[in-house]
N, C-alpha and C. Protein backbone atom coordinates (compact mmCIF):
# COMPACT_ATOMS: atom_id res chain seq x y z
N ASN A 1 83.41 147.37 64.83
CA ASN A 1 82.26 146.55 65.12
C ASN A 1 82.65 145.26 65.83
N GLY A 2 83.92 145.09 66.12
CA GLY A 2 84.35 143.92 66.89
C GLY A 2 84.45 142.64 66.09
N ALA A 3 84.61 142.74 64.77
CA ALA A 3 84.74 141.55 63.94
C ALA A 3 85.94 141.73 63.01
N THR A 4 86.50 140.61 62.56
CA THR A 4 87.59 140.69 61.61
C THR A 4 87.06 141.21 60.28
N GLU A 5 87.96 141.67 59.43
CA GLU A 5 87.58 142.26 58.16
C GLU A 5 86.74 141.31 57.31
N ASP A 6 87.07 140.03 57.34
CA ASP A 6 86.32 139.06 56.56
C ASP A 6 85.03 138.61 57.26
N GLY A 7 84.82 139.07 58.48
CA GLY A 7 83.61 138.75 59.21
C GLY A 7 83.57 137.36 59.83
N ARG A 8 84.65 136.60 59.71
CA ARG A 8 84.66 135.22 60.22
C ARG A 8 84.83 135.13 61.72
N SER A 9 85.48 136.11 62.33
CA SER A 9 85.76 136.03 63.76
C SER A 9 85.25 137.28 64.47
N LYS A 10 84.60 137.08 65.60
CA LYS A 10 84.16 138.18 66.46
C LYS A 10 85.27 138.41 67.48
N LEU A 11 85.63 139.66 67.68
CA LEU A 11 86.71 140.00 68.60
C LEU A 11 86.17 140.72 69.83
N LYS A 12 86.82 140.49 70.95
CA LYS A 12 86.48 141.23 72.17
C LYS A 12 87.00 142.66 72.04
N SER A 13 86.38 143.57 72.76
CA SER A 13 86.80 144.97 72.75
C SER A 13 87.54 145.29 74.04
N PRO A 14 88.55 146.15 73.98
CA PRO A 14 89.23 146.57 75.21
C PRO A 14 88.28 147.39 76.09
N SER A 15 88.67 147.62 77.32
CA SER A 15 87.82 148.33 78.27
C SER A 15 87.63 149.80 77.90
N ALA A 16 88.53 150.36 77.11
CA ALA A 16 88.41 151.76 76.70
C ALA A 16 88.94 151.91 75.28
N THR A 17 88.49 152.94 74.61
CA THR A 17 89.00 153.23 73.27
C THR A 17 90.18 154.19 73.39
N LEU A 18 91.00 154.23 72.36
CA LEU A 18 92.13 155.16 72.35
C LEU A 18 91.64 156.55 71.98
N SER A 19 92.05 157.52 72.74
CA SER A 19 91.73 158.90 72.40
C SER A 19 92.69 159.38 71.31
N THR A 20 92.34 160.48 70.69
CA THR A 20 93.23 161.07 69.68
C THR A 20 94.59 161.39 70.30
N ALA A 21 94.58 161.90 71.52
CA ALA A 21 95.84 162.24 72.20
C ALA A 21 96.69 160.99 72.42
N GLU A 22 96.06 159.87 72.76
CA GLU A 22 96.82 158.63 72.98
C GLU A 22 97.42 158.13 71.67
N VAL A 23 96.69 158.23 70.58
CA VAL A 23 97.21 157.81 69.28
C VAL A 23 98.41 158.68 68.91
N ILE A 24 98.28 159.98 69.09
CA ILE A 24 99.40 160.89 68.81
C ILE A 24 100.59 160.54 69.69
N SER A 25 100.35 160.26 70.95
CA SER A 25 101.42 159.89 71.88
C SER A 25 102.14 158.62 71.43
N VAL A 26 101.39 157.63 70.96
CA VAL A 26 101.98 156.38 70.47
C VAL A 26 102.91 156.67 69.29
N VAL A 27 102.46 157.48 68.36
CA VAL A 27 103.27 157.80 67.18
C VAL A 27 104.51 158.62 67.58
N ILE A 28 104.34 159.62 68.42
CA ILE A 28 105.48 160.44 68.87
C ILE A 28 106.50 159.57 69.60
N SER A 29 106.02 158.68 70.44
CA SER A 29 106.92 157.77 71.16
C SER A 29 107.68 156.88 70.18
N GLY A 30 106.98 156.35 69.18
CA GLY A 30 107.64 155.53 68.16
C GLY A 30 108.70 156.30 67.40
N LEU A 31 108.39 157.54 67.05
CA LEU A 31 109.36 158.38 66.35
C LEU A 31 110.58 158.67 67.23
N ALA A 32 110.34 158.91 68.51
CA ALA A 32 111.45 159.17 69.44
C ALA A 32 112.33 157.93 69.59
N MET A 33 111.70 156.76 69.71
CA MET A 33 112.47 155.51 69.81
C MET A 33 113.34 155.31 68.57
N ALA A 34 112.75 155.56 67.40
CA ALA A 34 113.49 155.39 66.15
C ALA A 34 114.65 156.38 66.06
N ALA A 35 114.42 157.60 66.49
CA ALA A 35 115.45 158.64 66.40
C ALA A 35 116.60 158.39 67.36
N HIS A 36 116.28 157.96 68.57
CA HIS A 36 117.31 157.84 69.61
C HIS A 36 117.96 156.45 69.69
N PHE A 37 117.22 155.43 69.32
CA PHE A 37 117.75 154.07 69.48
C PHE A 37 117.82 153.29 68.18
N GLY A 38 117.34 153.87 67.10
CA GLY A 38 117.33 153.17 65.82
C GLY A 38 118.04 153.99 64.76
N ASP A 39 117.59 153.81 63.54
CA ASP A 39 118.21 154.50 62.41
C ASP A 39 117.42 155.73 61.95
N GLY A 40 116.45 156.15 62.76
CA GLY A 40 115.65 157.32 62.43
C GLY A 40 114.38 157.01 61.67
N VAL A 41 114.22 155.77 61.23
CA VAL A 41 113.02 155.35 60.53
C VAL A 41 112.16 154.55 61.50
N MET A 42 110.92 155.00 61.71
CA MET A 42 110.05 154.30 62.65
C MET A 42 109.68 152.93 62.08
N ARG A 43 109.88 151.90 62.91
CA ARG A 43 109.57 150.53 62.52
C ARG A 43 108.65 149.91 63.57
N ALA A 44 108.20 148.71 63.29
CA ALA A 44 107.25 148.03 64.17
C ALA A 44 107.70 147.96 65.63
N PRO A 45 108.93 147.58 65.92
CA PRO A 45 109.34 147.52 67.33
C PRO A 45 109.27 148.88 68.04
N ASP A 46 109.44 149.96 67.27
CA ASP A 46 109.36 151.30 67.85
C ASP A 46 107.94 151.62 68.32
N LEU A 47 106.95 151.05 67.66
CA LEU A 47 105.55 151.30 68.01
C LEU A 47 104.99 150.30 69.01
N ALA A 48 105.50 149.10 69.01
CA ALA A 48 104.88 148.00 69.75
C ALA A 48 104.68 148.29 71.24
N ALA A 49 105.69 148.75 71.92
CA ALA A 49 105.59 148.94 73.37
C ALA A 49 104.58 150.02 73.73
N SER A 50 104.66 151.16 73.05
CA SER A 50 103.73 152.24 73.42
C SER A 50 102.31 151.92 72.99
N LEU A 51 102.12 151.21 71.89
CA LEU A 51 100.77 150.84 71.48
C LEU A 51 100.16 149.85 72.47
N ALA A 52 100.93 148.85 72.85
CA ALA A 52 100.43 147.88 73.84
C ALA A 52 100.10 148.58 75.14
N GLY A 53 100.94 149.51 75.56
CA GLY A 53 100.69 150.25 76.80
C GLY A 53 99.44 151.11 76.72
N ALA A 54 99.15 151.65 75.55
CA ALA A 54 97.95 152.48 75.39
C ALA A 54 96.69 151.63 75.36
N ILE A 55 96.78 150.42 74.83
CA ILE A 55 95.61 149.55 74.72
C ILE A 55 95.32 148.82 76.02
N VAL A 56 96.35 148.32 76.68
CA VAL A 56 96.17 147.50 77.89
C VAL A 56 96.08 148.43 79.10
N LYS A 57 94.87 148.87 79.38
CA LYS A 57 94.64 149.73 80.55
C LYS A 57 94.21 148.90 81.75
N ASP A 58 93.40 147.89 81.51
CA ASP A 58 93.00 146.94 82.55
C ASP A 58 93.90 145.72 82.36
N PRO A 59 94.84 145.47 83.28
CA PRO A 59 95.84 144.42 83.07
C PRO A 59 95.27 143.02 82.92
N VAL A 60 94.07 142.78 83.39
CA VAL A 60 93.48 141.45 83.26
C VAL A 60 92.69 141.35 81.97
N HIS A 61 91.64 142.14 81.84
CA HIS A 61 90.74 142.06 80.67
C HIS A 61 91.44 142.47 79.38
N ASP A 62 92.10 143.64 79.39
CA ASP A 62 92.67 144.17 78.16
C ASP A 62 93.85 143.36 77.65
N ARG A 63 94.62 142.75 78.55
CA ARG A 63 95.74 141.92 78.10
C ARG A 63 95.21 140.73 77.28
N VAL A 64 94.12 140.14 77.74
CA VAL A 64 93.50 139.02 77.01
C VAL A 64 93.01 139.50 75.64
N VAL A 65 92.36 140.65 75.61
CA VAL A 65 91.85 141.22 74.36
C VAL A 65 93.00 141.49 73.39
N TRP A 66 94.08 142.09 73.88
CA TRP A 66 95.25 142.41 73.05
C TRP A 66 95.88 141.13 72.49
N GLN A 67 96.06 140.13 73.33
CA GLN A 67 96.65 138.86 72.88
C GLN A 67 95.76 138.19 71.83
N GLU A 68 94.45 138.22 72.05
CA GLU A 68 93.53 137.64 71.07
C GLU A 68 93.64 138.36 69.73
N TYR A 69 93.72 139.68 69.76
CA TYR A 69 93.85 140.45 68.53
C TYR A 69 95.15 140.10 67.80
N LEU A 70 96.24 140.02 68.56
CA LEU A 70 97.52 139.65 67.94
C LEU A 70 97.44 138.29 67.27
N GLU A 71 96.86 137.31 67.95
CA GLU A 71 96.83 135.95 67.42
C GLU A 71 95.77 135.75 66.33
N THR A 72 94.68 136.49 66.40
CA THR A 72 93.58 136.29 65.44
C THR A 72 93.74 137.14 64.19
N VAL A 73 94.21 138.36 64.36
CA VAL A 73 94.26 139.30 63.24
C VAL A 73 95.69 139.53 62.76
N VAL A 74 96.56 139.99 63.64
CA VAL A 74 97.90 140.41 63.24
C VAL A 74 98.72 139.24 62.71
N ARG A 75 98.68 138.11 63.39
CA ARG A 75 99.49 136.95 62.98
C ARG A 75 99.13 136.47 61.58
N GLU A 76 97.89 136.65 61.17
CA GLU A 76 97.43 136.15 59.88
C GLU A 76 97.79 137.05 58.70
N ARG A 77 98.27 138.24 58.96
CA ARG A 77 98.56 139.19 57.88
C ARG A 77 100.06 139.18 57.58
N ASP A 78 100.39 138.72 56.39
CA ASP A 78 101.80 138.59 56.01
C ASP A 78 102.57 139.89 56.15
N GLU A 79 101.96 141.00 55.77
CA GLU A 79 102.66 142.29 55.80
C GLU A 79 102.81 142.85 57.21
N TRP A 80 102.22 142.20 58.21
CA TRP A 80 102.30 142.66 59.60
C TRP A 80 103.20 141.76 60.45
N GLN A 81 103.99 140.91 59.85
CA GLN A 81 104.77 139.94 60.62
C GLN A 81 105.83 140.60 61.50
N GLU A 82 106.45 141.66 61.05
CA GLU A 82 107.44 142.35 61.88
C GLU A 82 106.76 142.93 63.13
N PHE A 83 105.58 143.51 62.94
CA PHE A 83 104.82 144.05 64.06
C PHE A 83 104.38 142.94 65.01
N TYR A 84 103.93 141.83 64.46
CA TYR A 84 103.52 140.68 65.28
C TYR A 84 104.69 140.19 66.14
N ARG A 85 105.86 140.02 65.54
CA ARG A 85 107.03 139.55 66.29
C ARG A 85 107.42 140.55 67.38
N ALA A 86 107.37 141.83 67.06
CA ALA A 86 107.73 142.86 68.05
C ALA A 86 106.77 142.83 69.24
N CYS A 87 105.50 142.66 68.98
CA CYS A 87 104.51 142.60 70.06
C CYS A 87 104.65 141.33 70.88
N ARG A 88 104.92 140.22 70.23
CA ARG A 88 105.08 138.95 70.94
C ARG A 88 106.31 138.98 71.84
N GLU A 89 107.37 139.65 71.41
CA GLU A 89 108.57 139.75 72.24
C GLU A 89 108.30 140.51 73.53
N LEU A 90 107.35 141.42 73.50
CA LEU A 90 107.00 142.20 74.69
C LEU A 90 106.10 141.43 75.64
N ALA A 91 105.39 140.45 75.12
CA ALA A 91 104.37 139.74 75.93
C ALA A 91 104.96 138.83 76.96
């Protein structure tokens, strides 16, 4: 619905939604990164690049939406800090 879980912030939506195939591709890519370049356990950095690539389809509009989501939602969640750092390193 374009709002944070607590309802305090309204979020912009990306230009397109992720298809089931894109979600599967993000996970498979993360697993491949973990298997070939990591210790075999999928971690936040393994997902960050492919997830950002799947979300940011329009390089102008969607990049702003993705950055806003990272700063408004992800940064505020203690258990998501590794994912937040991984995404920020890519930005």
